Amino acid sequence: MEEFQIIDNCLMVKLPQEIDHHRAGFISEKADQYLLSDKVMHVVFDFENTHFMDSSGIGIIMGRYRKISCFGGKVYAIHADNYIKRMLMLAGINKLVEIR
């Protein structure tokens, strides 16, 4: 289950075990609601529980990056396992998003 929480000026998004196109729409919409309604400067995607992600997961990150970078904000990916890191690297996300 995804969780959304604002800590200081960061939107923390704890992602589910599997990210596919069914879940991606909901995650994107919910994250955008937080980005528009609160004073969020950065977005942190927490992949701790995520073991599968298709290209729609890349879309979630890219969409939030496009929105937040306009205001000087940054996007971070944390707790990604080797599979998720590899997907992010192959997509070139590491050039836009800090992977920790």
PDB file of N, CA and C in Angstrom:
ATOM      1  N   MET A   1       0.838  -1.184   0.000  1.00  0.00           N
ATOM      2  CA  MET A   1       0.000   0.000   0.000  1.00  0.00           C
ATOM      3  C   MET A   1       0.879   1.242   0.000  1.00  0.00           C
ATOM      4  N   GLU A   2       0.510   2.211  -0.823  1.00  0.00           N
ATOM      5  CA  GLU A   2       1.271   3.441  -0.885  1.00  0.00           C
ATOM      6  C   GLU A   2       0.909   4.353   0.283  1.00  0.00           C
ATOM      7  N   GLU A   3       1.885   5.120   0.713  1.00  0.00           N
ATOM      8  CA  GLU A   3       1.666   6.078   1.795  1.00  0.00           C
ATOM      9  C   GLU A   3       2.257   7.418   1.381  1.00  0.00           C
ATOM     10  N   PHE A   4       1.565   8.484   1.737  1.00  0.00           N
ATOM     11  CA  PHE A   4       2.013   9.840   1.422  1.00  0.00           C
ATOM     12  C   PHE A   4       2.112  10.619   2.719  1.00  0.00           C
ATOM     13  N   GLN A   5       3.222  11.318   2.890  1.00  0.00           N
ATOM     14  CA  GLN A   5       3.427  12.079   4.122  1.00  0.00           C
ATOM     15  C   GLN A   5       4.311  13.280   3.801  1.00  0.00           C
ATOM     16  N   ILE A   6       3.994  14.407   4.410  1.00  0.00           N
ATOM     17  CA  ILE A   6       4.832  15.593   4.236  1.00  0.00           C
ATOM     18  C   ILE A   6       5.661  15.778   5.496  1.00  0.00           C
ATOM     19  N   ILE A   7       6.972  15.835   5.308  1.00  0.00           N
ATOM     20  CA  ILE A   7       7.904  16.080   6.403  1.00  0.00           C
ATOM     21  C   ILE A   7       8.716  17.304   6.002  1.00  0.00           C
ATOM     22  N   ASP A   8       8.627  18.351   6.816  1.00  0.00           N
ATOM     23  CA  ASP A   8       9.219  19.652   6.476  1.00  0.00           C
ATOM     24  C   ASP A   8       8.678  20.063   5.108  1.00  0.00           C
ATOM     25  N   ASN A   9       9.542  20.213   4.124  1.00  0.00           N
ATOM     26  CA  ASN A   9       9.071  20.624   2.800  1.00  0.00           C
ATOM     27  C   ASN A   9       9.216  19.492   1.776  1.00  0.00           C
ATOM     28  N   CYS A  10       9.256  18.247   2.267  1.00  0.00           N
ATOM     29  CA  CYS A  10       9.407  17.073   1.393  1.00  0.00           C
ATOM     30  C   CYS A  10       8.148  16.213   1.404  1.00  0.00           C
ATOM     31  N   LEU A  11       7.731  15.808   0.220  1.00  0.00           N
ATOM     32  CA  LEU A  11       6.660  14.827   0.103  1.00  0.00           C
ATOM     33  C   LEU A  11       7.321  13.456   0.066  1.00  0.00           C
ATOM     34  N   MET A  12       7.035  12.648   1.072  1.00  0.00           N
ATOM     35  CA  MET A  12       7.564  11.287   1.145  1.00  0.00           C
ATOM     36  C   MET A  12       6.499  10.347   0.583  1.00  0.00           C
ATOM     37  N   VAL A  13       6.880   9.575  -0.444  1.00  0.00           N
ATOM     38  CA  VAL A  13       5.957   8.635  -1.058  1.00  0.00           C
ATOM     39  C   VAL A  13       6.514   7.231  -0.866  1.00  0.00           C
ATOM     40  N   LYS A  14       5.892   6.474   0.013  1.00  0.00           N
ATOM     41  CA  LYS A  14       6.297   5.087   0.249  1.00  0.00           C
ATOM     42  C   LYS A  14       5.552   4.237  -0.772  1.00  0.00           C
ATOM     43  N   LEU A  15       6.283   3.636  -1.680  1.00  0.00           N
ATOM     44  CA  LEU A  15       5.678   2.929  -2.803  1.00  0.00           C
ATOM     45  C   LEU A  15       5.301   1.488  -2.441  1.00  0.00           C
ATOM     46  N   PRO A  16       4.318   0.923  -3.168  1.00  0.00           N
ATOM     47  CA  PRO A  16       3.850  -0.437  -2.875  1.00  0.00           C
ATOM     48  C   PRO A  16       4.824  -1.506  -3.378  1.00  0.00           C
ATOM     49  N   GLN A  17       4.501  -2.775  -3.095  1.00  0.00           N
ATOM     50  CA  GLN A  17       5.353  -3.889  -3.522  1.00  0.00           C
ATOM     51  C   GLN A  17       5.478  -3.957  -5.038  1.00  0.00           C
ATOM     52  N   GLU A  18       4.402  -3.698  -5.737  1.00  0.00           N
ATOM     53  CA  GLU A  18       4.402  -3.751  -7.194  1.00  0.00           C
ATOM     54  C   GLU A  18       3.865  -2.439  -7.759  1.00  0.00           C
ATOM     55  N   ILE A  19       4.589  -1.922  -8.750  1.00  0.00           N
ATOM     56  CA  ILE A  19       4.141  -0.698  -9.424  1.00  0.00           C
ATOM     57  C   ILE A  19       3.882  -1.062 -10.884  1.00  0.00           C
ATOM     58  N   ASP A  20       2.603  -1.010 -11.262  1.00  0.00           N
ATOM     59  CA  ASP A  20       2.220  -1.259 -12.646  1.00  0.00           C
ATOM     60  C   ASP A  20       1.305  -0.121 -13.088  1.00  0.00           C
ATOM     61  N   HIS A  21       0.817  -0.193 -14.313  1.00  0.00           N
ATOM     62  CA  HIS A  21       0.023   0.942 -14.817  1.00  0.00           C
ATOM     63  C   HIS A  21      -1.270   1.150 -14.032  1.00  0.00           C
ATOM     64  N   HIS A  22      -1.805   0.120 -13.393  1.00  0.00           N
ATOM     65  CA  HIS A  22      -3.020   0.289 -12.591  1.00  0.00           C
ATOM     66  C   HIS A  22      -2.752   1.174 -11.379  1.00  0.00           C
ATOM     67  N   ARG A  23      -1.653   0.934 -10.702  1.00  0.00           N
ATOM     68  CA  ARG A  23      -1.322   1.713  -9.514  1.00  0.00           C
ATOM     69  C   ARG A  23      -0.694   3.056  -9.857  1.00  0.00           C
ATOM     70  N   ALA A  24      -0.010   3.125 -10.969  1.00  0.00           N
ATOM     71  CA  ALA A  24       0.725   4.343 -11.333  1.00  0.00           C
ATOM     72  C   ALA A  24      -0.181   5.563 -11.436  1.00  0.00           C
ATOM     73  N   GLY A  25      -1.348   5.392 -12.021  1.00  0.00           N
ATOM     74  CA  GLY A  25      -2.280   6.521 -12.153  1.00  0.00           C
ATOM     75  C   GLY A  25      -2.684   7.078 -10.804  1.00  0.00           C
ATOM     76  N   PHE A  26      -3.024   6.188  -9.881  1.00  0.00           N
ATOM     77  CA  PHE A  26      -3.424   6.622  -8.544  1.00  0.00           C
ATOM     78  C   PHE A  26      -2.267   7.328  -7.842  1.00  0.00           C
ATOM     79  N   ILE A  27      -1.073   6.748  -7.893  1.00  0.00           N
ATOM     80  CA  ILE A  27       0.084   7.330  -7.212  1.00  0.00           C
ATOM     81  C   ILE A  27       0.392   8.717  -7.771  1.00  0.00           C
ATOM     82  N   SER A  28       0.367   8.832  -9.092  1.00  0.00           N
ATOM     83  CA  SER A  28       0.647  10.129  -9.730  1.00  0.00           C
ATOM     84  C   SER A  28      -0.376  11.184  -9.330  1.00  0.00           C
ATOM     85  N   GLU A  29      -1.660  10.830  -9.387  1.00  0.00           N
ATOM     86  CA  GLU A  29      -2.719  11.781  -9.038  1.00  0.00           C
ATOM     87  C   GLU A  29      -2.613  12.231  -7.585  1.00  0.00           C
ATOM     88  N   LYS A  30      -2.399  11.281  -6.692  1.00  0.00           N
ATOM     89  CA  LYS A  30      -2.317  11.600  -5.258  1.00  0.00           C
ATOM     90  C   LYS A  30      -1.092  12.480  -4.978  1.00  0.00           C
ATOM     91  N   ALA A  31       0.042  12.142  -5.576  1.00  0.00           N
ATOM     92  CA  ALA A  31       1.254  12.948  -5.386  1.00  0.00           C
ATOM     93  C   ALA A  31       1.030  14.366  -5.905  1.00  0.00           C
ATOM     94  N   ASP A  32       0.386  14.482  -7.052  1.00  0.00           N
ATOM     95  CA  ASP A  32       0.119  15.806  -7.625  1.00  0.00           C
ATOM     96  C   ASP A  32      -0.788  16.636  -6.721  1.00  0.00           C
ATOM     97  N   GLN A  33      -1.743  15.999  -6.065  1.00  0.00           N
ATOM     98  CA  GLN A  33      -2.608  16.725  -5.127  1.00  0.00           C
ATOM     99  C   GLN A  33      -1.766  17.349  -4.014  1.00  0.00           C
ATOM    100  N   TYR A  34      -0.824  16.591  -3.500  1.00  0.00           N
ATOM    101  CA  TYR A  34       0.053  17.121  -2.452  1.00  0.00           C
ATOM    102  C   TYR A  34       0.946  18.232  -2.999  1.00  0.00           C
ATOM    103  N   LEU A  35       1.466  18.047  -4.215  1.00  0.00           N
ATOM    104  CA  LEU A  35       2.356  19.060  -4.798  1.00  0.00           C
ATOM    105  C   LEU A  35       1.625  20.379  -5.008  1.00  0.00           C
ATOM    106  N   LEU A  36       0.347  20.314  -5.359  1.00  0.00           N
ATOM    107  CA  LEU A  36      -0.424  21.524  -5.630  1.00  0.00           C
ATOM    108  C   LEU A  36      -0.987  22.168  -4.369  1.00  0.00           C
ATOM    109  N   SER A  37      -1.282  21.371  -3.359  1.00  0.00           N
ATOM    110  CA  SER A  37      -1.997  21.916  -2.205  1.00  0.00           C
ATOM    111  C   SER A  37      -1.089  22.341  -1.053  1.00  0.00           C
ATOM    112  N   ASP A  38       0.123  21.875  -1.004  1.00  0.00           N
ATOM    113  CA  ASP A  38       1.008  22.193   0.109  1.00  0.00           C
ATOM    114  C   ASP A  38       2.323  22.781  -0.390  1.00  0.00           C
ATOM    115  N   LYS A  39       3.070  23.296   0.525  1.00  0.00           N
ATOM    116  CA  LYS A  39       4.356  23.898   0.173  1.00  0.00           C
ATOM    117  C   LYS A  39       5.437  22.822   0.137  1.00  0.00           C
ATOM    118  N   VAL A  40       5.377  22.017  -0.894  1.00  0.00           N
ATOM    119  CA  VAL A  40       6.324  20.918  -1.071  1.00  0.00           C
ATOM    120  C   VAL A  40       7.416  21.377  -2.035  1.00  0.00           C
ATOM    121  N   MET A  41       8.665  21.238  -1.618  1.00  0.00           N
ATOM    122  CA  MET A  41       9.801  21.601  -2.469  1.00  0.00           C
ATOM    123  C   MET A  41      10.475  20.391  -3.099  1.00  0.00           C
ATOM    124  N   HIS A  42      10.407  19.244  -2.429  1.00  0.00           N
ATOM    125  CA  HIS A  42      11.105  18.052  -2.897  1.00  0.00           C
ATOM    126  C   HIS A  42      10.196  16.837  -2.780  1.00  0.00           C
ATOM    127  N   VAL A  43      10.489  15.820  -3.584  1.00  0.00           N
ATOM    128  CA  VAL A  43       9.735  14.566  -3.521  1.00  0.00           C
ATOM    129  C   VAL A  43      10.731  13.436  -3.289  1.00  0.00           C
ATOM    130  N   VAL A  44      10.417  12.576  -2.324  1.00  0.00           N
ATOM    131  CA  VAL A  44      11.256  11.418  -2.021  1.00  0.00           C
ATOM    132  C   VAL A  44      10.412  10.170  -2.255  1.00  0.00           C
ATOM    133  N   PHE A  45      10.854   9.337  -3.216  1.00  0.00           N
ATOM    134  CA  PHE A  45      10.185   8.064  -3.477  1.00  0.00           C
ATOM    135  C   PHE A  45      10.937   6.981  -2.717  1.00  0.00           C
ATOM    136  N   ASP A  46      10.223   6.299  -1.826  1.00  0.00           N
ATOM    137  CA  ASP A  46      10.820   5.245  -1.006  1.00  0.00           C
ATOM    138  C   ASP A  46      10.448   3.882  -1.598  1.00  0.00           C
ATOM    139  N   PHE A  47      11.464   3.180  -2.116  1.00  0.00           N
ATOM    140  CA  PHE A  47      11.271   1.890  -2.766  1.00  0.00           C
ATOM    141  C   PHE A  47      11.516   0.711  -1.828  1.00  0.00           C
ATOM    142  N   GLU A  48      11.535   0.943  -0.533  1.00  0.00           N
ATOM    143  CA  GLU A  48      11.891  -0.101   0.432  1.00  0.00           C
ATOM    144  C   GLU A  48      11.088  -1.388   0.248  1.00  0.00           C
ATOM    145  N   ASN A  49       9.788  -1.270   0.004  1.00  0.00           N
ATOM    146  CA  ASN A  49       8.933  -2.454  -0.121  1.00  0.00           C
ATOM    147  C   ASN A  49       8.694  -2.882  -1.568  1.00  0.00           C
ATOM    148  N   THR A  50       9.258  -2.153  -2.534  1.00  0.00           N
ATOM    149  CA  THR A  50       8.974  -2.399  -3.943  1.00  0.00           C
ATOM    150  C   THR A  50       9.911  -3.463  -4.515  1.00  0.00           C
ATOM    151  N   HIS A  51       9.298  -4.481  -5.119  1.00  0.00           N
ATOM    152  CA  HIS A  51      10.080  -5.575  -5.709  1.00  0.00           C
ATOM    153  C   HIS A  51       9.825  -5.730  -7.202  1.00  0.00           C
ATOM    154  N   PHE A  52       8.797  -5.043  -7.712  1.00  0.00           N
ATOM    155  CA  PHE A  52       8.514  -5.081  -9.145  1.00  0.00           C
ATOM    156  C   PHE A  52       8.055  -3.698  -9.589  1.00  0.00           C
ATOM    157  N   MET A  53       8.576  -3.286 -10.744  1.00  0.00           N
ATOM    158  CA  MET A  53       8.159  -2.012 -11.322  1.00  0.00           C
ATOM    159  C   MET A  53       8.279  -2.131 -12.831  1.00  0.00           C
ATOM    160  N   ASP A  54       7.238  -1.725 -13.551  1.00  0.00           N
ATOM    161  CA  ASP A  54       7.351  -1.675 -15.004  1.00  0.00           C
ATOM    162  C   ASP A  54       7.596  -0.222 -15.419  1.00  0.00           C
ATOM    163  N   SER A  55       7.498   0.062 -16.685  1.00  0.00           N
ATOM    164  CA  SER A  55       7.824   1.410 -17.176  1.00  0.00           C
ATOM    165  C   SER A  55       6.915   2.494 -16.606  1.00  0.00           C
ATOM    166  N   SER A  56       5.749   2.122 -16.127  1.00  0.00           N
ATOM    167  CA  SER A  56       4.866   3.130 -15.546  1.00  0.00           C
ATOM    168  C   SER A  56       5.463   3.731 -14.270  1.00  0.00           C
ATOM    169  N   GLY A  57       6.307   2.987 -13.583  1.00  0.00           N
ATOM    170  CA  GLY A  57       7.020   3.523 -12.418  1.00  0.00           C
ATOM    171  C   GLY A  57       7.970   4.638 -12.828  1.00  0.00           C
ATOM    172  N   ILE A  58       8.609   4.468 -13.970  1.00  0.00           N
ATOM    173  CA  ILE A  58       9.482   5.517 -14.518  1.00  0.00           C
ATOM    174  C   ILE A  58       8.639   6.755 -14.818  1.00  0.00           C
ATOM    175  N   GLY A  59       7.445   6.524 -15.359  1.00  0.00           N
ATOM    176  CA  GLY A  59       6.532   7.635 -15.659  1.00  0.00           C
ATOM    177  C   GLY A  59       6.131   8.418 -14.428  1.00  0.00           C
ATOM    178  N   ILE A  60       5.913   7.717 -13.319  1.00  0.00           N
ATOM    179  CA  ILE A  60       5.568   8.395 -12.060  1.00  0.00           C
ATOM    180  C   ILE A  60       6.686   9.359 -11.679  1.00  0.00           C
ATOM    181  N   ILE A  61       7.909   8.863 -11.705  1.00  0.00           N
ATOM    182  CA  ILE A  61       9.054   9.672 -11.289  1.00  0.00           C
ATOM    183  C   ILE A  61       9.270  10.843 -12.248  1.00  0.00           C
ATOM    184  N   MET A  62       9.223  10.574 -13.550  1.00  0.00           N
ATOM    185  CA  MET A  62       9.449  11.636 -14.545  1.00  0.00           C
ATOM    186  C   MET A  62       8.392  12.731 -14.455  1.00  0.00           C
ATOM    187  N   GLY A  63       7.148  12.338 -14.272  1.00  0.00           N
ATOM    188  CA  GLY A  63       6.077  13.332 -14.171  1.00  0.00           C
ATOM    189  C   GLY A  63       6.243  14.244 -12.977  1.00  0.00           C
ATOM    190  N   ARG A  64       6.580  13.667 -11.835  1.00  0.00           N
ATOM    191  CA  ARG A  64       6.786  14.484 -10.630  1.00  0.00           C
ATOM    192  C   ARG A  64       8.049  15.327 -10.780  1.00  0.00           C
ATOM    193  N   TYR A  65       9.073  14.797 -11.437  1.00  0.00           N
ATOM    194  CA  TYR A  65      10.299  15.570 -11.672  1.00  0.00           C
ATOM    195  C   TYR A  65       9.980  16.805 -12.515  1.00  0.00           C
ATOM    196  N   ARG A  66       9.216  16.621 -13.581  1.00  0.00           N
ATOM    197  CA  ARG A  66       8.867  17.754 -14.450  1.00  0.00           C
ATOM    198  C   ARG A  66       8.129  18.843 -13.681  1.00  0.00           C
ATOM    199  N   LYS A  67       7.232  18.444 -12.805  1.00  0.00           N
ATOM    200  CA  LYS A  67       6.451  19.428 -12.046  1.00  0.00           C
ATOM    201  C   LYS A  67       7.292  20.150 -10.994  1.00  0.00           C
ATOM    202  N   ILE A  68       8.072  19.408 -10.232  1.00  0.00           N
ATOM    203  CA  ILE A  68       8.793  19.990  -9.085  1.00  0.00           C
ATOM    204  C   ILE A  68      10.042  20.756  -9.527  1.00  0.00           C
ATOM    205  N   SER A  69      10.677  20.316 -10.628  1.00  0.00           N
ATOM    206  CA  SER A  69      11.910  20.983 -11.066  1.00  0.00           C
ATOM    207  C   SER A  69      11.645  22.393 -11.579  1.00  0.00           C
ATOM    208  N   CYS A  70      10.428  22.669 -12.018  1.00  0.00           N
ATOM    209  CA  CYS A  70      10.061  24.023 -12.462  1.00  0.00           C
ATOM    210  C   CYS A  70      10.203  25.035 -11.336  1.00  0.00           C
ATOM    211  N   PHE A  71      10.069  24.559 -10.104  1.00  0.00           N
ATOM    212  CA  PHE A  71      10.140  25.435  -8.937  1.00  0.00           C
ATOM    213  C   PHE A  71      11.461  25.277  -8.189  1.00  0.00           C
ATOM    214  N   GLY A  72      12.436  24.628  -8.827  1.00  0.00           N
ATOM    215  CA  GLY A  72      13.745  24.447  -8.197  1.00  0.00           C
ATOM    216  C   GLY A  72      13.814  23.278  -7.237  1.00  0.00           C
ATOM    217  N   GLY A  73      12.779  22.448  -7.214  1.00  0.00           N
ATOM    218  CA  GLY A  73      12.755  21.291  -6.318  1.00  0.00           C
ATOM    219  C   GLY A  73      13.516  20.111  -6.883  1.00  0.00           C
ATOM    220  N   LYS A  74      13.745  19.120  -6.033  1.00  0.00           N
ATOM    221  CA  LYS A  74      14.474  17.926  -6.435  1.00  0.00           C
ATOM    222  C   LYS A  74      13.660  16.678  -6.127  1.00  0.00           C
ATOM    223  N   VAL A  75      14.026  15.602  -6.809  1.00  0.00           N
ATOM    224  CA  VAL A  75      13.393  14.308  -6.597  1.00  0.00           C
ATOM    225  C   VAL A  75      14.481  13.323  -6.187  1.00  0.00           C
ATOM    226  N   TYR A  76      14.156  12.505  -5.209  1.00  0.00           N
ATOM    227  CA  TYR A  76      15.091  11.505  -4.693  1.00  0.00           C
ATOM    228  C   TYR A  76      14.429  10.129  -4.730  1.00  0.00           C
ATOM    229  N   ALA A  77      15.241   9.100  -4.918  1.00  0.00           N
ATOM    230  CA  ALA A  77      14.788   7.711  -4.817  1.00  0.00           C
ATOM    231  C   ALA A  77      15.640   7.057  -3.735  1.00  0.00           C
ATOM    232  N   ILE A  78      14.975   6.461  -2.743  1.00  0.00           N
ATOM    233  CA  ILE A  78      15.717   5.844  -1.647  1.00  0.00           C
ATOM    234  C   ILE A  78      15.298   4.376  -1.485  1.00  0.00           C
ATOM    235  N   HIS A  79      16.159   3.599  -0.869  1.00  0.00           N
ATOM    236  CA  HIS A  79      15.921   2.186  -0.542  1.00  0.00           C
ATOM    237  C   HIS A  79      15.598   1.327  -1.752  1.00  0.00           C
ATOM    238  N   ALA A  80      16.142   1.649  -2.914  1.00  0.00           N
ATOM    239  CA  ALA A  80      15.887   0.843  -4.112  1.00  0.00           C
ATOM    240  C   ALA A  80      16.788  -0.387  -4.101  1.00  0.00           C
ATOM    241  N   ASP A  81      16.198  -1.565  -4.365  1.00  0.00           N
ATOM    242  CA  ASP A  81      17.019  -2.771  -4.458  1.00  0.00           C
ATOM    243  C   ASP A  81      17.744  -2.767  -5.816  1.00  0.00           C
ATOM    244  N   ASN A  82      18.551  -3.776  -6.070  1.00  0.00           N
ATOM    245  CA  ASN A  82      19.357  -3.810  -7.294  1.00  0.00           C
ATOM    246  C   ASN A  82      18.502  -3.818  -8.555  1.00  0.00           C
ATOM    247  N   TYR A  83      17.369  -4.520  -8.528  1.00  0.00           N
ATOM    248  CA  TYR A  83      16.474  -4.564  -9.683  1.00  0.00           C
ATOM    249  C   TYR A  83      15.927  -3.165  -9.999  1.00  0.00           C
ATOM    250  N   ILE A  84      15.440  -2.483  -8.990  1.00  0.00           N
ATOM    251  CA  ILE A  84      14.870  -1.141  -9.183  1.00  0.00           C
ATOM    252  C   ILE A  84      15.972  -0.165  -9.613  1.00  0.00           C
ATOM    253  N   LYS A  85      17.124  -0.225  -8.962  1.00  0.00           N
ATOM    254  CA  LYS A  85      18.240   0.662  -9.355  1.00  0.00           C
ATOM    255  C   LYS A  85      18.601   0.460 -10.820  1.00  0.00           C
ATOM    256  N   ARG A  86      18.655  -0.796 -11.239  1.00  0.00           N
ATOM    257  CA  ARG A  86      19.004  -1.101 -12.631  1.00  0.00           C
ATOM    258  C   ARG A  86      17.975  -0.497 -13.580  1.00  0.00           C
ATOM    259  N   MET A  87      16.691  -0.632 -13.255  1.00  0.00           N
ATOM    260  CA  MET A  87      15.643  -0.044 -14.099  1.00  0.00           C
ATOM    261  C   MET A  87      15.799   1.477 -14.189  1.00  0.00           C
ATOM    262  N   LEU A  88      16.071   2.105 -13.043  1.00  0.00           N
ATOM    263  CA  LEU A  88      16.228   3.558 -13.025  1.00  0.00           C
ATOM    264  C   LEU A  88      17.440   3.989 -13.846  1.00  0.00           C
ATOM    265  N   MET A  89      18.526   3.229 -13.731  1.00  0.00           N
ATOM    266  CA  MET A  89      19.747   3.559 -14.485  1.00  0.00           C
ATOM    267  C   MET A  89      19.529   3.370 -15.991  1.00  0.00           C
ATOM    268  N   LEU A  90      18.891   2.267 -16.379  1.00  0.00           N
ATOM    269  CA  LEU A  90      18.637   2.011 -17.802  1.00  0.00           C
ATOM    270  C   LEU A  90      17.754   3.088 -18.423  1.00  0.00           C
ATOM    271  N   ALA A  91      16.853   3.633 -17.627  1.00  0.00           N
ATOM    272  CA  ALA A  91      15.960   4.691 -18.117  1.00  0.00           C
ATOM    273  C   ALA A  91      16.623   6.071 -18.085  1.00  0.00           C
ATOM    274  N   GLY A  92      17.812   6.147 -17.498  1.00  0.00           N
ATOM    275  CA  GLY A  92      18.515   7.429 -17.408  1.00  0.00           C
ATOM    276  C   GLY A  92      18.007   8.327 -16.298  1.00  0.00           C
ATOM    277  N   ILE A  93      17.212   7.778 -15.401  1.00  0.00           N
ATOM    278  CA  ILE A  93      16.643   8.558 -14.293  1.00  0.00           C
ATOM    279  C   ILE A  93      17.744   9.100 -13.392  1.00  0.00           C
ATOM    280  N   ASN A  94      18.843   8.367 -13.279  1.00  0.00           N
ATOM    281  CA  ASN A  94      19.941   8.793 -12.394  1.00  0.00           C
ATOM    282  C   ASN A  94      20.538  10.135 -12.811  1.00  0.00           C
ATOM    283  N   LYS A  95      20.272  10.599 -14.024  1.00  0.00           N
ATOM    284  CA  LYS A  95      20.772  11.902 -14.467  1.00  0.00           C
ATOM    285  C   LYS A  95      19.887  13.041 -13.961  1.00  0.00           C
ATOM    286  N   LEU A  96      18.667  12.706 -13.544  1.00  0.00           N
ATOM    287  CA  LEU A  96      17.711  13.719 -13.096  1.00  0.00           C
ATOM    288  C   LEU A  96      17.382  13.609 -11.615  1.00  0.00           C
ATOM    289  N   VAL A  97      17.445  12.396 -11.102  1.00  0.00           N
ATOM    290  CA  VAL A  97      17.005  12.096  -9.749  1.00  0.00           C
ATOM    291  C   VAL A  97      18.182  11.525  -8.959  1.00  0.00           C
ATOM    292  N   GLU A  98      18.325  11.975  -7.733  1.00  0.00           N
ATOM    293  CA  GLU A  98      19.391  11.429  -6.887  1.00  0.00           C
ATOM    294  C   GLU A  98      18.925  10.105  -6.297  1.00  0.00           C
ATOM    295  N   ILE A  99      19.690   9.052  -6.564  1.00  0.00           N
ATOM    296  CA  ILE A  99      19.360   7.722  -6.063  1.00  0.00           C
ATOM    297  C   ILE A  99      20.252   7.446  -4.872  1.00  0.00           C
ATOM    298  N   ARG A 100      19.622   7.196  -3.729  1.00  0.00           N
ATOM    299  CA  ARG A 100      20.387   6.959  -2.496  1.00  0.00           C
ATOM    300  C   ARG A 100      20.112   5.574  -1.988  1.00  0.00           C
TER     301      ARG A 100
END
